[in-house]
Amino acid sequence: MTDGATPHPESQHPRTNPSGFVNPHSRANRIGRIAWGIAWGLFIRPTPFFMGAWRTWLLRRFGAVVSNGRIEGSARIWAPWLLRTGDDVYVDVNVNLYDVFGIHIGNRVVISQGAFLCSATHDYRDPRYRLIGGPITIEDDCWIAAEAFIAPGVTIGRGSVVGARAVVTKDVPPWSVVAGNPAKVIRQRTLNEDPAQVAARATGVA
């Protein structure tokens, strides 16, 4: 402005410098991710639902520690060697496991379609957007519902449920149901008894 008006507030603040971002990953990491991206695109993404064993085998070849269960072909995994899963884990279609700092999934866990587990972000206070984050842990018997977002460093306590499209930025207590943005505890989770176990006790089998 040339009429003496107050300058725009933007001129009073420093600018960000995204072009100054420095990739913190080693050359081996980058080469490994390129190789994995090729393998995923050619040998995992096109596979039908019944080829879960093949996908698990290939993930293990790339360093993933995965037990029995199924990971769908369209699930995106940033670095398989930073993924750990337990028994009876199901990762649905279009799930994004952005495991820059590691993702650990316990036993009997369901991660529904479109969920995003994001272990890394950028420091908005740094003009160069330095990469920061922390490992995500999903403990046993949890369900992450469709399109939920789990932020870096979060632990989902055992037995908990994260509602559809919830945004989880803090640890979730065990056996809780959380929902919303930001996610909050809305109730405690209780399980009905398995009818087979009830029948077994009635007949003295268990």
C-alpha atoms as a PDB file:
ATOM      1  CA  MET A   1       0.000   0.000   0.000  1.00  0.00           C
ATOM      2  CA  THR A   2       1.302   3.505  -0.800  1.00  0.00           C
ATOM      3  CA  ASP A   3      -1.308   5.517   1.108  1.00  0.00           C
ATOM      4  CA  GLY A   4       0.239   4.942   4.523  1.00  0.00           C
ATOM      5  CA  ALA A   5      -2.150   2.130   5.475  1.00  0.00           C
ATOM      6  CA  THR A   6      -1.023  -0.551   7.922  1.00  0.00           C
ATOM      7  CA  PRO A   7       0.947  -3.251   6.061  1.00  0.00           C
ATOM      8  CA  HIS A   8      -0.570  -6.726   5.761  1.00  0.00           C
ATOM      9  CA  PRO A   9       0.220  -8.777   8.902  1.00  0.00           C
ATOM     10  CA  GLU A  10       1.890 -11.438   6.730  1.00  0.00           C
ATOM     11  CA  SER A  11       4.806  -9.104   6.089  1.00  0.00           C
ATOM     12  CA  GLN A  12       5.526  -8.959   9.809  1.00  0.00           C
ATOM     13  CA  HIS A  13       6.254 -12.669  10.150  1.00  0.00           C
ATOM     14  CA  PRO A  14       9.021 -14.959   8.870  1.00  0.00           C
ATOM     15  CA  ARG A  15       8.254 -17.274   5.996  1.00  0.00           C
ATOM     16  CA  THR A  16       8.340 -21.045   5.889  1.00  0.00           C
ATOM     17  CA  ASN A  17      10.909 -22.812   3.759  1.00  0.00           C
ATOM     18  CA  PRO A  18       9.487 -26.150   2.542  1.00  0.00           C
ATOM     19  CA  SER A  19      12.149 -26.377  -0.162  1.00  0.00           C
ATOM     20  CA  GLY A  20      14.713 -26.614   2.649  1.00  0.00           C
ATOM     21  CA  PHE A  21      13.262 -29.897   3.920  1.00  0.00           C
ATOM     22  CA  VAL A  22      15.976 -32.497   4.451  1.00  0.00           C
ATOM     23  CA  ASN A  23      15.084 -36.158   3.867  1.00  0.00           C
ATOM     24  CA  PRO A  24      16.121 -37.918   7.094  1.00  0.00           C
ATOM     25  CA  HIS A  25      16.007 -41.429   5.652  1.00  0.00           C
ATOM     26  CA  SER A  26      19.101 -43.391   4.746  1.00  0.00           C
ATOM     27  CA  ARG A  27      19.906 -44.421   1.201  1.00  0.00           C
ATOM     28  CA  ALA A  28      19.246 -48.063   2.146  1.00  0.00           C
ATOM     29  CA  ASN A  29      15.808 -47.070   3.424  1.00  0.00           C
ATOM     30  CA  ARG A  30      14.964 -45.236   0.223  1.00  0.00           C
ATOM     31  CA  ILE A  31      16.199 -48.053  -1.994  1.00  0.00           C
ATOM     32  CA  GLY A  32      14.249 -50.566   0.078  1.00  0.00           C
ATOM     33  CA  ARG A  33      11.064 -48.541  -0.276  1.00  0.00           C
ATOM     34  CA  ILE A  34      11.529 -48.283  -4.033  1.00  0.00           C
ATOM     35  CA  ALA A  35      11.943 -52.064  -4.251  1.00  0.00           C
ATOM     36  CA  TRP A  36       8.929 -52.578  -2.004  1.00  0.00           C
ATOM     37  CA  GLY A  37       6.826 -50.165  -4.067  1.00  0.00           C
ATOM     38  CA  ILE A  38       7.591 -52.141  -7.217  1.00  0.00           C
ATOM     39  CA  ALA A  39       6.837 -55.461  -5.503  1.00  0.00           C
ATOM     40  CA  TRP A  40       3.593 -54.102  -4.045  1.00  0.00           C
ATOM     41  CA  GLY A  41       2.418 -52.732  -7.368  1.00  0.00           C
ATOM     42  CA  LEU A  42       3.257 -55.870  -9.350  1.00  0.00           C
ATOM     43  CA  PHE A  43       2.720 -58.752  -6.942  1.00  0.00           C
ATOM     44  CA  ILE A  44       0.411 -57.609  -4.119  1.00  0.00           C
ATOM     45  CA  ARG A  45      -1.941 -54.862  -5.262  1.00  0.00           C
ATOM     46  CA  PRO A  46      -3.445 -56.924  -8.135  1.00  0.00           C
ATOM     47  CA  THR A  47      -3.971 -60.094  -6.074  1.00  0.00           C
ATOM     48  CA  PRO A  48      -7.520 -61.323  -5.323  1.00  0.00           C
ATOM     49  CA  PHE A  49      -8.817 -61.671  -1.772  1.00  0.00           C
ATOM     50  CA  PHE A  50      -8.007 -65.390  -1.489  1.00  0.00           C
ATOM     51  CA  MET A  51      -4.246 -64.865  -1.948  1.00  0.00           C
ATOM     52  CA  GLY A  52      -3.687 -63.643   1.592  1.00  0.00           C
ATOM     53  CA  ALA A  53      -1.043 -66.291   2.296  1.00  0.00           C
ATOM     54  CA  TRP A  54       0.968 -65.126  -0.696  1.00  0.00           C
ATOM     55  CA  ARG A  55       0.820 -61.498   0.465  1.00  0.00           C
ATOM     56  CA  THR A  56       1.935 -62.522   3.952  1.00  0.00           C
ATOM     57  CA  TRP A  57       4.836 -64.514   2.505  1.00  0.00           C
ATOM     58  CA  LEU A  58       6.029 -61.563   0.442  1.00  0.00           C
ATOM     59  CA  LEU A  59       5.691 -59.139   3.343  1.00  0.00           C
ATOM     60  CA  ARG A  60       7.934 -61.406   5.390  1.00  0.00           C
ATOM     61  CA  ARG A  61      10.508 -61.389   2.592  1.00  0.00           C
ATOM     62  CA  PHE A  62      10.646 -57.618   3.059  1.00  0.00           C
ATOM     63  CA  GLY A  63      11.177 -57.905   6.808  1.00  0.00           C
ATOM     64  CA  ALA A  64       7.659 -57.633   8.198  1.00  0.00           C
ATOM     65  CA  VAL A  65       6.931 -59.650  11.322  1.00  0.00           C
ATOM     66  CA  VAL A  66       3.415 -60.861  10.575  1.00  0.00           C
ATOM     67  CA  SER A  67       1.599 -63.850  12.021  1.00  0.00           C
ATOM     68  CA  ASN A  68      -1.604 -65.437  10.767  1.00  0.00           C
ATOM     69  CA  GLY A  69      -4.432 -63.218   9.588  1.00  0.00           C
ATOM     70  CA  ARG A  70      -4.977 -61.299   6.369  1.00  0.00           C
ATOM     71  CA  ILE A  71      -3.794 -58.040   4.897  1.00  0.00           C
ATOM     72  CA  GLU A  72      -5.720 -57.014   1.801  1.00  0.00           C
ATOM     73  CA  GLY A  73      -3.839 -56.224  -1.395  1.00  0.00           C
ATOM     74  CA  SER A  74      -4.918 -52.570  -1.521  1.00  0.00           C
ATOM     75  CA  ALA A  75      -3.575 -51.842   1.976  1.00  0.00           C
ATOM     76  CA  ARG A  76      -0.622 -49.460   1.722  1.00  0.00           C
ATOM     77  CA  ILE A  77       2.407 -50.145   3.914  1.00  0.00           C
ATOM     78  CA  TRP A  78       5.202 -47.567   3.862  1.00  0.00           C
ATOM     79  CA  ALA A  79       7.981 -49.901   5.035  1.00  0.00           C
ATOM     80  CA  PRO A  80       7.186 -53.579   5.732  1.00  0.00           C
ATOM     81  CA  TRP A  81      10.291 -54.013   7.883  1.00  0.00           C
ATOM     82  CA  LEU A  82       8.782 -51.574  10.418  1.00  0.00           C
ATOM     83  CA  LEU A  83       5.506 -53.498  10.746  1.00  0.00           C
ATOM     84  CA  ARG A  84       4.745 -56.008  13.513  1.00  0.00           C
ATOM     85  CA  THR A  85       1.438 -57.870  13.778  1.00  0.00           C
ATOM     86  CA  GLY A  86       0.143 -60.636  16.034  1.00  0.00           C
ATOM     87  CA  ASP A  87      -2.299 -63.490  15.508  1.00  0.00           C
ATOM     88  CA  ASP A  88      -5.701 -63.139  13.820  1.00  0.00           C
ATOM     89  CA  VAL A  89      -5.123 -59.623  12.484  1.00  0.00           C
ATOM     90  CA  TYR A  90      -7.272 -58.366   9.618  1.00  0.00           C
ATOM     91  CA  VAL A  91      -6.280 -55.265   7.647  1.00  0.00           C
ATOM     92  CA  ASP A  92      -9.089 -54.275   5.298  1.00  0.00           C
ATOM     93  CA  VAL A  93      -9.025 -52.640   1.863  1.00  0.00           C
ATOM     94  CA  ASN A  94      -7.448 -49.201   1.373  1.00  0.00           C
ATOM     95  CA  VAL A  95      -5.938 -49.070   4.858  1.00  0.00           C
ATOM     96  CA  ASN A  96      -2.836 -46.874   5.035  1.00  0.00           C
ATOM     97  CA  LEU A  97      -0.114 -48.038   7.433  1.00  0.00           C
ATOM     98  CA  TYR A  98       2.323 -45.131   7.342  1.00  0.00           C
ATOM     99  CA  ASP A  99       4.867 -46.794   9.609  1.00  0.00           C
ATOM    100  CA  VAL A 100       7.799 -44.363   9.347  1.00  0.00           C
ATOM    101  CA  PHE A 101       8.423 -44.778  13.086  1.00  0.00           C
ATOM    102  CA  GLY A 102       6.934 -48.277  13.326  1.00  0.00           C
ATOM    103  CA  ILE A 103       3.475 -49.775  13.811  1.00  0.00           C
ATOM    104  CA  HIS A 104       2.880 -52.612  16.277  1.00  0.00           C
ATOM    105  CA  ILE A 105      -0.443 -54.456  16.100  1.00  0.00           C
ATOM    106  CA  GLY A 106      -1.406 -57.036  18.711  1.00  0.00           C
ATOM    107  CA  ASN A 107      -3.555 -60.151  18.499  1.00  0.00           C
ATOM    108  CA  ARG A 108      -7.173 -60.338  17.304  1.00  0.00           C
ATOM    109  CA  VAL A 109      -7.219 -56.834  15.834  1.00  0.00           C
ATOM    110  CA  VAL A 110      -9.470 -55.589  13.023  1.00  0.00           C
ATOM    111  CA  ILE A 111      -8.550 -52.476  11.047  1.00  0.00           C
ATOM    112  CA  SER A 112     -11.443 -51.541   8.786  1.00  0.00           C
ATOM    113  CA  GLN A 113     -11.381 -50.063   5.314  1.00  0.00           C
ATOM    114  CA  GLY A 114      -9.804 -46.706   4.741  1.00  0.00           C
ATOM    115  CA  ALA A 115      -8.284 -46.334   8.212  1.00  0.00           C
ATOM    116  CA  PHE A 116      -5.063 -44.314   8.345  1.00  0.00           C
ATOM    117  CA  LEU A 117      -2.411 -45.149  10.940  1.00  0.00           C
ATOM    118  CA  CYS A 118       0.037 -42.255  10.607  1.00  0.00           C
ATOM    119  CA  SER A 119       3.225 -42.574  12.659  1.00  0.00           C
ATOM    120  CA  ALA A 120       4.930 -39.460  11.228  1.00  0.00           C
ATOM    121  CA  THR A 121       4.135 -35.806  10.717  1.00  0.00           C
ATOM    122  CA  HIS A 122       5.994 -32.531  10.249  1.00  0.00           C
ATOM    123  CA  ASP A 123       6.976 -30.006  12.906  1.00  0.00           C
ATOM    124  CA  TYR A 124       4.885 -26.954  11.974  1.00  0.00           C
ATOM    125  CA  ARG A 125       7.141 -24.787  14.156  1.00  0.00           C
ATOM    126  CA  ASP A 126      10.132 -25.580  11.966  1.00  0.00           C
ATOM    127  CA  PRO A 127      10.267 -23.469   8.767  1.00  0.00           C
ATOM    128  CA  ARG A 128      11.684 -26.534   6.967  1.00  0.00           C
ATOM    129  CA  TYR A 129       8.960 -28.890   8.263  1.00  0.00           C
ATOM    130  CA  ARG A 130      11.274 -31.329  10.040  1.00  0.00           C
ATOM    131  CA  LEU A 131       9.900 -34.881  10.187  1.00  0.00           C
ATOM    132  CA  ILE A 132       8.757 -35.958  13.656  1.00  0.00           C
ATOM    133  CA  GLY A 133       6.597 -38.712  15.087  1.00  0.00           C
ATOM    134  CA  GLY A 134       6.533 -41.901  17.094  1.00  0.00           C
ATOM    135  CA  PRO A 135       5.469 -45.554  16.889  1.00  0.00           C
ATOM    136  CA  ILE A 136       1.801 -46.492  16.936  1.00  0.00           C
ATOM    137  CA  THR A 137       0.696 -49.430  19.085  1.00  0.00           C
ATOM    138  CA  ILE A 138      -2.629 -51.204  18.710  1.00  0.00           C
ATOM    139  CA  GLU A 139      -2.985 -53.634  21.605  1.00  0.00           C
ATOM    140  CA  ASP A 140      -4.880 -56.951  21.605  1.00  0.00           C
ATOM    141  CA  ASP A 141      -8.608 -57.255  20.837  1.00  0.00           C
ATOM    142  CA  CYS A 142      -9.061 -53.800  19.286  1.00  0.00           C
ATOM    143  CA  TRP A 143     -11.179 -52.619  16.381  1.00  0.00           C
ATOM    144  CA  ILE A 144     -10.230 -49.563  14.345  1.00  0.00           C
ATOM    145  CA  ALA A 145     -13.379 -48.708  12.386  1.00  0.00           C
ATOM    146  CA  ALA A 146     -13.644 -47.340   8.846  1.00  0.00           C
ATOM    147  CA  GLU A 147     -11.622 -44.244   7.925  1.00  0.00           C
ATOM    148  CA  ALA A 148     -10.414 -43.596  11.452  1.00  0.00           C
ATOM    149  CA  PHE A 149      -7.174 -41.639  11.831  1.00  0.00           C
ATOM    150  CA  ILE A 150      -4.556 -42.614  14.419  1.00  0.00           C
ATOM    151  CA  ALA A 151      -1.906 -39.951  15.067  1.00  0.00           C
ATOM    152  CA  PRO A 152       1.832 -40.505  15.675  1.00  0.00           C
ATOM    153  CA  GLY A 153       2.886 -42.011  18.982  1.00  0.00           C
ATOM    154  CA  VAL A 154      -0.608 -43.120  20.002  1.00  0.00           C
ATOM    155  CA  THR A 155      -1.345 -46.360  21.871  1.00  0.00           C
ATOM    156  CA  ILE A 156      -4.815 -47.878  21.555  1.00  0.00           C
ATOM    157  CA  GLY A 157      -5.355 -49.787  24.782  1.00  0.00           C
ATOM    158  CA  ARG A 158      -6.408 -53.409  24.814  1.00  0.00           C
ATOM    159  CA  GLY A 159      -9.993 -54.162  23.872  1.00  0.00           C
ATOM    160  CA  SER A 160     -10.779 -50.657  22.657  1.00  0.00           C
ATOM    161  CA  VAL A 161     -12.899 -49.555  19.696  1.00  0.00           C
ATOM    162  CA  VAL A 162     -12.152 -46.478  17.603  1.00  0.00           C
ATOM    163  CA  GLY A 163     -15.300 -45.260  15.869  1.00  0.00           C
ATOM    164  CA  ALA A 164     -15.614 -44.578  12.153  1.00  0.00           C
ATOM    165  CA  ARG A 165     -13.810 -41.408  11.034  1.00  0.00           C
ATOM    166  CA  ALA A 166     -12.582 -40.694  14.534  1.00  0.00           C
ATOM    167  CA  VAL A 167      -9.379 -38.675  14.880  1.00  0.00           C
ATOM    168  CA  VAL A 168      -7.267 -40.092  17.695  1.00  0.00           C
ATOM    169  CA  THR A 169      -4.461 -37.838  18.918  1.00  0.00           C
ATOM    170  CA  LYS A 170      -4.028 -39.217  22.457  1.00  0.00           C
ATOM    171  CA  ASP A 171      -3.681 -42.660  24.005  1.00  0.00           C
ATOM    172  CA  VAL A 172      -6.939 -44.578  24.400  1.00  0.00           C
ATOM    173  CA  PRO A 173      -7.585 -46.355  27.737  1.00  0.00           C
ATOM    174  CA  PRO A 174      -8.170 -50.130  27.616  1.00  0.00           C
ATOM    175  CA  TRP A 175     -11.697 -51.356  26.912  1.00  0.00           C
ATOM    176  CA  SER A 176     -12.960 -47.953  25.811  1.00  0.00           C
ATOM    177  CA  VAL A 177     -15.078 -46.852  22.868  1.00  0.00           C
ATOM    178  CA  VAL A 178     -13.924 -43.537  21.396  1.00  0.00           C
ATOM    179  CA  ALA A 179     -15.431 -41.410  18.637  1.00  0.00           C
ATOM    180  CA  GLY A 180     -15.331 -37.911  17.201  1.00  0.00           C
ATOM    181  CA  ASN A 181     -12.736 -35.319  16.232  1.00  0.00           C
ATOM    182  CA  PRO A 182     -10.801 -35.163  18.430  1.00  0.00           C
ATOM    183  CA  ALA A 183     -11.763 -38.616  19.684  1.00  0.00           C
ATOM    184  CA  LYS A 184     -13.212 -38.863  23.183  1.00  0.00           C
ATOM    185  CA  VAL A 185     -14.327 -41.795  25.319  1.00  0.00           C
ATOM    186  CA  ILE A 186     -18.084 -42.237  24.890  1.00  0.00           C
ATOM    187  CA  ARG A 187     -18.541 -45.495  26.771  1.00  0.00           C
ATOM    188  CA  GLN A 188     -16.774 -48.560  28.116  1.00  0.00           C
ATOM    189  CA  ARG A 189     -16.703 -51.705  26.032  1.00  0.00           C
ATOM    190  CA  THR A 190     -18.092 -54.953  27.420  1.00  0.00           C
ATOM    191  CA  LEU A 191     -18.224 -58.274  25.600  1.00  0.00           C
ATOM    192  CA  ASN A 192     -21.092 -60.719  25.493  1.00  0.00           C
ATOM    193  CA  GLU A 193     -20.135 -64.267  26.331  1.00  0.00           C
ATOM    194  CA  ASP A 194     -19.367 -66.553  23.444  1.00  0.00           C
ATOM    195  CA  PRO A 195     -22.343 -68.962  23.104  1.00  0.00           C
ATOM    196  CA  ALA A 196     -19.966 -71.842  22.460  1.00  0.00           C
ATOM    197  CA  GLN A 197     -18.175 -71.199  25.744  1.00  0.00           C
ATOM    198  CA  VAL A 198     -21.468 -70.938  27.610  1.00  0.00           C
ATOM    199  CA  ALA A 199     -22.617 -74.254  26.120  1.00  0.00           C
ATOM    200  CA  ALA A 200     -19.299 -75.899  26.959  1.00  0.00           C
ATOM    201  CA  ARG A 201     -19.568 -74.855  30.621  1.00  0.00           C
ATOM    202  CA  ALA A 202     -23.147 -76.125  30.795  1.00  0.00           C
ATOM    203  CA  THR A 203     -22.065 -79.564  29.587  1.00  0.00           C
ATOM    204  CA  GLY A 204     -18.988 -79.632  31.793  1.00  0.00           C
ATOM    205  CA  VAL A 205     -16.596 -79.663  28.822  1.00  0.00           C
ATOM    206  CA  ALA A 206     -14.805 -76.462  29.821  1.00  0.00           C
END
